[in-house]
Amino acid sequence: MLDFTGKAVLVTGGAGGIGSAVGCAAARAGARVMLVDQDAAGADVAAAIRASGGECDFFQADVSRSEAVQAYVERTLQRFGGIDSFVNNAGMLGPVATLADYDESAFDRLLAVNVRGIFLGLKHVLPVMLRAGRGTVVNTSSTAAATPSPGMGPYAATKAAILGLSAAAAGEAGPHGVRVNAVCPGAIDAGIYTELRSALSTDAAKFDAQVRANIPTGRLTTADEVADTILFLASALSGNINGASITIDGARGAVSGSFSGRASGVPSPAARSHD
């Protein structure tokens, strides 16, 4: 069993499927949790964790702004005195469209949240851990980094960038007692997947059935399963694992390319922080 008793765990994207699952699981394991999200609904997640006996606080912030990231780091230090584990998870899907049709301003916003947000988290949290001589970071990427579905080129590019940042951070921080890893979830019945499903299909059940048919395990991954993997990488149980990227997709990527879906002529889902 994972034991985070007394540990301070900072989670961005805490209002979404993966982020809220991580926060809840960390609190159950004894952690003191700080949830961060631009969506005020993160406060409800924190309240639910406290109601179940966990210790949790919420800070509303746009992870693409350096001053906001500095503020959530400072709030965590004031609240808990340190940061033992950082789950750098906030992200967004953005429009689903071909590269030729992709709006430039939407592309800039996607980069700001998914890449700049991860970079700023590393920039401002790593110094805290380096001074302490210990700590773990888990960045949330995606299987789309390697096998993007049609209409998801910019999103895939941002998730591939996260893998590059993770590898670089692992090499820089490893000699100082800090480990950095990444997770690459596949289809999850939460957050981005539900937005993608809405953009590509009007029949959710049919869409899910088609996706499941291409997954060897025959089912979608749950947010709780991703959270368990993240907390394993954040814990002492993962030992000397550093610079790794763990795929969580039921072997979907191991046996074939991305699942099919039309990219043109579909409405763009609302772009919002979700993970």
Protein backbone atom coordinates (compact mmCIF):
# COMPACT_ATOMS: atom_id res chain seq x y z
CA MET A 1 0.00 0.00 0.00
CA LEU A 2 1.22 3.48 -0.86
CA ASP A 3 1.98 5.56 2.21
CA PHE A 4 2.15 9.35 1.88
CA THR A 5 1.61 10.08 5.55
CA GLY A 6 2.68 13.66 6.24
CA LYS A 7 3.88 14.24 2.67
CA ALA A 8 2.94 17.41 0.82
CA VAL A 9 1.54 16.63 -2.64
CA LEU A 10 0.88 19.43 -5.13
CA VAL A 11 -1.48 18.62 -8.01
CA THR A 12 -2.34 20.90 -10.93
CA GLY A 13 -5.47 20.34 -12.97
CA GLY A 14 -7.06 19.31 -9.71
CA ALA A 15 -10.63 19.93 -10.81
CA GLY A 16 -10.48 17.43 -13.69
CA GLY A 17 -10.73 13.67 -13.95
CA ILE A 18 -7.10 12.66 -13.45
CA GLY A 19 -6.19 15.54 -11.14
CA SER A 20 -9.12 15.02 -8.81
CA ALA A 21 -8.48 11.26 -8.75
CA VAL A 22 -4.84 11.89 -7.79
CA GLY A 23 -5.85 14.32 -5.07
CA CYS A 24 -8.37 11.92 -3.57
CA ALA A 25 -6.00 8.94 -3.72
CA ALA A 26 -3.11 10.92 -2.23
CA ALA A 27 -5.29 12.13 0.63
CA ARG A 28 -6.47 8.58 1.35
CA ALA A 29 -2.79 7.59 1.51
CA GLY A 30 -2.18 10.22 4.19
CA ALA A 31 -0.88 13.11 2.10
CA ARG A 32 -1.49 16.78 2.68
CA VAL A 33 -2.81 17.86 -0.72
CA MET A 34 -2.80 21.18 -2.56
CA LEU A 35 -5.05 21.21 -5.63
CA VAL A 36 -4.54 23.87 -8.30
CA ASP A 37 -6.87 24.63 -11.19
CA GLN A 38 -8.21 27.58 -13.16
CA ASP A 39 -11.66 26.06 -12.71
CA ALA A 40 -13.20 27.04 -9.38
CA ALA A 41 -14.78 23.57 -9.23
CA GLY A 42 -11.48 22.46 -7.74
CA ALA A 43 -12.70 23.96 -4.47
CA ASP A 44 -15.52 21.42 -4.45
CA VAL A 45 -13.05 18.58 -4.92
CA ALA A 46 -10.97 19.88 -2.01
CA ALA A 47 -14.08 20.21 0.15
CA ALA A 48 -15.07 16.62 -0.63
CA ILE A 49 -11.59 15.41 0.35
CA ARG A 50 -11.79 17.27 3.64
CA ALA A 51 -15.28 15.92 4.26
CA SER A 52 -13.91 12.40 3.95
CA GLY A 53 -11.21 13.12 6.52
CA GLY A 54 -8.35 14.16 4.26
CA GLU A 55 -6.23 17.30 4.43
CA CYS A 56 -6.61 19.40 1.30
CA ASP A 57 -6.48 22.99 0.14
CA PHE A 58 -7.32 24.59 -3.22
CA PHE A 59 -5.65 27.42 -5.11
CA GLN A 60 -7.21 28.88 -8.25
CA ALA A 61 -4.60 29.73 -10.88
CA ASP A 62 -3.88 29.86 -14.60
CA VAL A 63 -0.84 27.61 -14.98
CA SER A 64 0.29 29.44 -18.12
CA ARG A 65 1.14 32.59 -16.12
CA SER A 66 4.46 32.66 -14.30
CA GLU A 67 3.19 34.84 -11.47
CA ALA A 68 0.26 32.46 -10.93
CA VAL A 69 2.57 29.47 -10.77
CA GLN A 70 4.85 31.25 -8.32
CA ALA A 71 1.76 32.06 -6.26
CA TYR A 72 0.55 28.44 -6.05
CA VAL A 73 4.05 27.29 -5.12
CA GLU A 74 4.26 29.93 -2.38
CA ARG A 75 0.80 29.02 -1.10
CA THR A 76 1.82 25.36 -0.86
CA LEU A 77 5.00 26.23 1.02
CA GLN A 78 3.07 28.46 3.42
CA ARG A 79 0.45 25.77 3.97
CA PHE A 80 2.64 22.68 4.21
CA GLY A 81 6.23 23.87 4.59
CA GLY A 82 7.53 22.03 1.54
CA ILE A 83 6.66 20.05 -1.57
CA ASP A 84 7.44 16.34 -1.51
CA SER A 85 5.65 15.38 -4.73
CA PHE A 86 4.50 17.50 -7.66
CA VAL A 87 1.91 16.15 -10.10
CA ASN A 88 2.27 18.52 -13.06
CA ASN A 89 -0.98 17.56 -14.69
CA ALA A 90 -3.02 20.55 -15.91
CA GLY A 91 -3.83 20.51 -19.60
CA MET A 92 -6.45 21.07 -22.26
CA LEU A 93 -7.59 19.52 -25.55
CA GLY A 94 -8.23 22.60 -27.65
CA PRO A 95 -10.07 22.46 -30.98
CA VAL A 96 -10.25 19.24 -32.97
CA ALA A 97 -9.32 20.30 -36.51
CA THR A 98 -6.86 19.62 -39.30
CA LEU A 99 -3.60 21.54 -39.25
CA ALA A 100 -4.70 23.55 -42.29
CA ASP A 101 -7.85 24.66 -40.47
CA TYR A 102 -6.40 25.13 -36.99
CA ASP A 103 -6.91 28.59 -35.52
CA GLU A 104 -3.61 30.29 -34.63
CA SER A 105 -4.86 31.89 -31.45
CA ALA A 106 -6.23 28.53 -30.28
CA PHE A 107 -2.83 26.99 -31.04
CA ASP A 108 -1.09 29.67 -28.97
CA ARG A 109 -3.42 29.04 -26.02
CA LEU A 110 -2.88 25.28 -26.27
CA LEU A 111 0.88 25.77 -26.16
CA ALA A 112 0.53 28.18 -23.24
CA VAL A 113 -1.40 25.74 -21.07
CA ASN A 114 0.05 22.37 -22.10
CA VAL A 115 3.71 23.26 -22.61
CA ARG A 116 4.37 26.58 -20.90
CA GLY A 117 2.28 25.42 -17.92
CA ILE A 118 4.38 22.28 -17.51
CA PHE A 119 7.61 24.24 -18.01
CA LEU A 120 6.65 26.88 -15.45
CA GLY A 121 5.69 24.20 -12.94
CA LEU A 122 9.12 22.62 -13.31
CA LYS A 123 10.85 26.01 -13.24
CA HIS A 124 9.29 27.05 -9.94
CA VAL A 125 8.89 23.72 -8.12
CA LEU A 126 12.24 22.10 -8.91
CA PRO A 127 14.26 24.73 -7.00
CA VAL A 128 12.21 23.94 -3.88
CA MET A 129 13.00 20.25 -4.21
CA LEU A 130 16.64 20.82 -5.13
CA ARG A 131 17.15 22.89 -1.99
CA ALA A 132 15.60 20.08 0.04
CA GLY A 133 17.67 17.43 -1.75
CA ARG A 134 14.63 15.27 -2.43
CA GLY A 135 11.31 15.14 -4.23
CA THR A 136 9.39 13.55 -7.07
CA VAL A 137 7.69 15.03 -10.11
CA VAL A 138 5.22 13.33 -12.43
CA ASN A 139 4.22 15.13 -15.63
CA THR A 140 1.07 14.13 -17.52
CA SER A 141 1.63 13.52 -21.21
CA SER A 142 -0.52 11.29 -23.44
CA THR A 143 -0.34 8.37 -25.87
CA ALA A 144 -1.25 11.02 -28.45
CA ALA A 145 2.38 12.15 -28.24
CA ALA A 146 3.30 9.10 -30.31
CA THR A 147 0.02 8.19 -32.03
CA PRO A 148 -2.18 11.24 -32.57
CA SER A 149 -5.70 10.81 -33.85
CA PRO A 150 -6.78 12.86 -36.88
CA GLY A 151 -7.46 16.46 -35.91
CA MET A 152 -5.22 16.29 -32.84
CA GLY A 153 -1.86 17.34 -34.30
CA PRO A 154 -1.31 20.43 -32.12
CA TYR A 155 -2.47 18.59 -28.98
CA ALA A 156 -0.11 15.71 -29.80
CA ALA A 157 2.75 18.15 -30.32
CA THR A 158 2.23 19.64 -26.86
CA LYS A 159 2.18 16.21 -25.27
CA ALA A 160 5.38 15.22 -27.07
CA ALA A 161 7.00 18.39 -25.78
CA ILE A 162 6.13 17.31 -22.24
CA LEU A 163 8.13 14.12 -22.73
CA GLY A 164 11.15 16.17 -23.80
CA LEU A 165 10.85 18.45 -20.79
CA SER A 166 10.47 15.44 -18.49
CA ALA A 167 13.60 13.74 -19.81
CA ALA A 168 15.65 16.92 -19.54
CA ALA A 169 14.43 17.60 -16.00
CA ALA A 170 15.20 14.03 -14.94
CA GLY A 171 18.78 14.38 -16.10
CA GLU A 172 19.26 17.75 -14.43
CA ALA A 173 17.56 16.95 -11.13
CA GLY A 174 18.54 13.30 -10.71
CA PRO A 175 22.02 13.99 -9.29
CA HIS A 176 20.39 16.10 -6.57
CA GLY A 177 17.94 13.53 -5.23
CA VAL A 178 14.92 14.57 -7.30
CA ARG A 179 13.22 12.19 -9.75
CA VAL A 180 11.07 13.26 -12.72
CA ASN A 181 8.86 10.90 -14.69
CA ALA A 182 5.86 11.10 -17.01
CA VAL A 183 2.67 9.15 -17.60
CA CYS A 184 1.02 8.71 -20.99
CA PRO A 185 -2.64 7.79 -20.53
CA GLY A 186 -4.68 6.52 -23.45
CA ALA A 187 -8.46 6.63 -23.67
CA ILE A 188 -9.98 7.48 -20.28
CA ASP A 189 -13.68 7.96 -19.68
CA ALA A 190 -13.08 11.44 -18.28
CA GLY A 191 -11.72 14.84 -19.21
CA ILE A 192 -10.12 15.11 -22.64
CA TYR A 193 -11.46 11.82 -23.95
CA THR A 194 -15.05 12.88 -23.32
CA GLU A 195 -14.39 16.19 -25.11
CA LEU A 196 -12.85 14.34 -28.06
CA ARG A 197 -15.75 11.93 -28.18
CA SER A 198 -18.21 14.82 -28.29
CA ALA A 199 -16.28 16.43 -31.14
CA LEU A 200 -15.99 13.30 -33.26
CA SER A 201 -19.29 11.53 -32.70
CA THR A 202 -22.93 12.11 -31.82
CA ASP A 203 -23.25 8.51 -30.61
CA ALA A 204 -21.16 8.13 -27.43
CA ALA A 205 -21.94 4.44 -26.97
CA LYS A 206 -20.94 3.58 -30.54
CA PHE A 207 -17.77 5.66 -30.29
CA ASP A 208 -16.78 3.95 -27.03
CA ALA A 209 -17.45 0.52 -28.53
CA GLN A 210 -15.19 1.28 -31.49
CA VAL A 211 -12.42 2.47 -29.20
CA ARG A 212 -12.73 -0.54 -26.88
CA ALA A 213 -12.60 -2.89 -29.86
CA ASN A 214 -9.06 -1.64 -30.58
CA ILE A 215 -7.83 -2.05 -26.99
CA PRO A 216 -6.51 -5.54 -26.17
CA THR A 217 -7.90 -5.38 -22.63
CA GLY A 218 -11.28 -4.47 -24.08
CA ARG A 219 -11.96 -1.43 -21.92
CA LEU A 220 -11.07 2.18 -21.26
CA THR A 221 -8.59 3.09 -18.54
CA THR A 222 -10.08 4.69 -15.44
CA ALA A 223 -8.88 7.95 -13.92
CA ASP A 224 -8.25 6.04 -10.69
CA GLU A 225 -5.87 3.68 -12.50
CA VAL A 226 -3.91 6.62 -13.85
CA ALA A 227 -3.86 8.16 -10.37
CA ASP A 228 -2.49 4.93 -8.89
CA THR A 229 0.32 4.88 -11.46
CA ILE A 230 1.14 8.53 -10.80
CA LEU A 231 1.30 7.97 -7.05
CA PHE A 232 3.50 4.92 -7.54
CA LEU A 233 5.96 7.07 -9.50
CA ALA A 234 5.69 9.77 -6.84
CA SER A 235 6.41 7.32 -4.03
CA ALA A 236 9.50 5.62 -2.66
CA LEU A 237 8.23 2.36 -4.16
CA SER A 238 9.40 3.50 -7.59
CA GLY A 239 12.95 3.63 -6.26
CA ASN A 240 15.41 4.49 -9.01
CA ILE A 241 12.84 5.06 -11.77
CA ASN A 242 13.81 8.41 -13.25
CA GLY A 243 13.26 9.85 -16.72
CA ALA A 244 10.67 7.21 -17.59
CA SER A 245 7.39 7.59 -19.44
CA ILE A 246 4.76 5.04 -18.47
CA THR A 247 2.02 4.23 -20.98
CA ILE A 248 -1.41 3.38 -19.56
CA ASP A 249 -3.62 2.28 -22.45
CA GLY A 250 -4.37 -1.44 -22.21
CA ALA A 251 -1.72 -2.11 -24.92
CA ARG A 252 -3.63 -0.07 -27.51
CA GLY A 253 -0.48 1.63 -28.77
CA ALA A 254 1.54 -1.57 -28.67
CA VAL A 255 -0.62 -3.30 -31.27
CA SER A 256 -1.70 -0.55 -33.66
CA GLY A 257 -1.82 3.15 -34.47
CA SER A 258 -4.28 5.71 -33.25
CA PHE A 259 -8.00 5.00 -33.30
CA SER A 260 -9.84 6.37 -36.29
CA GLY A 261 -11.95 9.49 -36.29
CA ARG A 262 -12.91 12.19 -38.74
CA ALA A 263 -11.21 15.53 -38.24
CA SER A 264 -12.94 17.87 -40.64
CA GLY A 265 -16.42 19.25 -40.43
CA VAL A 266 -16.76 18.74 -36.68
CA PRO A 267 -17.38 21.37 -34.03
CA SER A 268 -14.49 22.29 -31.74
CA PRO A 269 -15.16 21.39 -28.11
CA ALA A 270 -14.83 24.09 -25.50
CA ALA A 271 -11.17 24.38 -24.59
CA ARG A 272 -10.71 24.15 -20.86
CA SER A 273 -8.29 22.85 -18.28
CA HIS A 274 -9.35 19.36 -17.40
CA ASP A 275 -6.68 16.82 -16.45
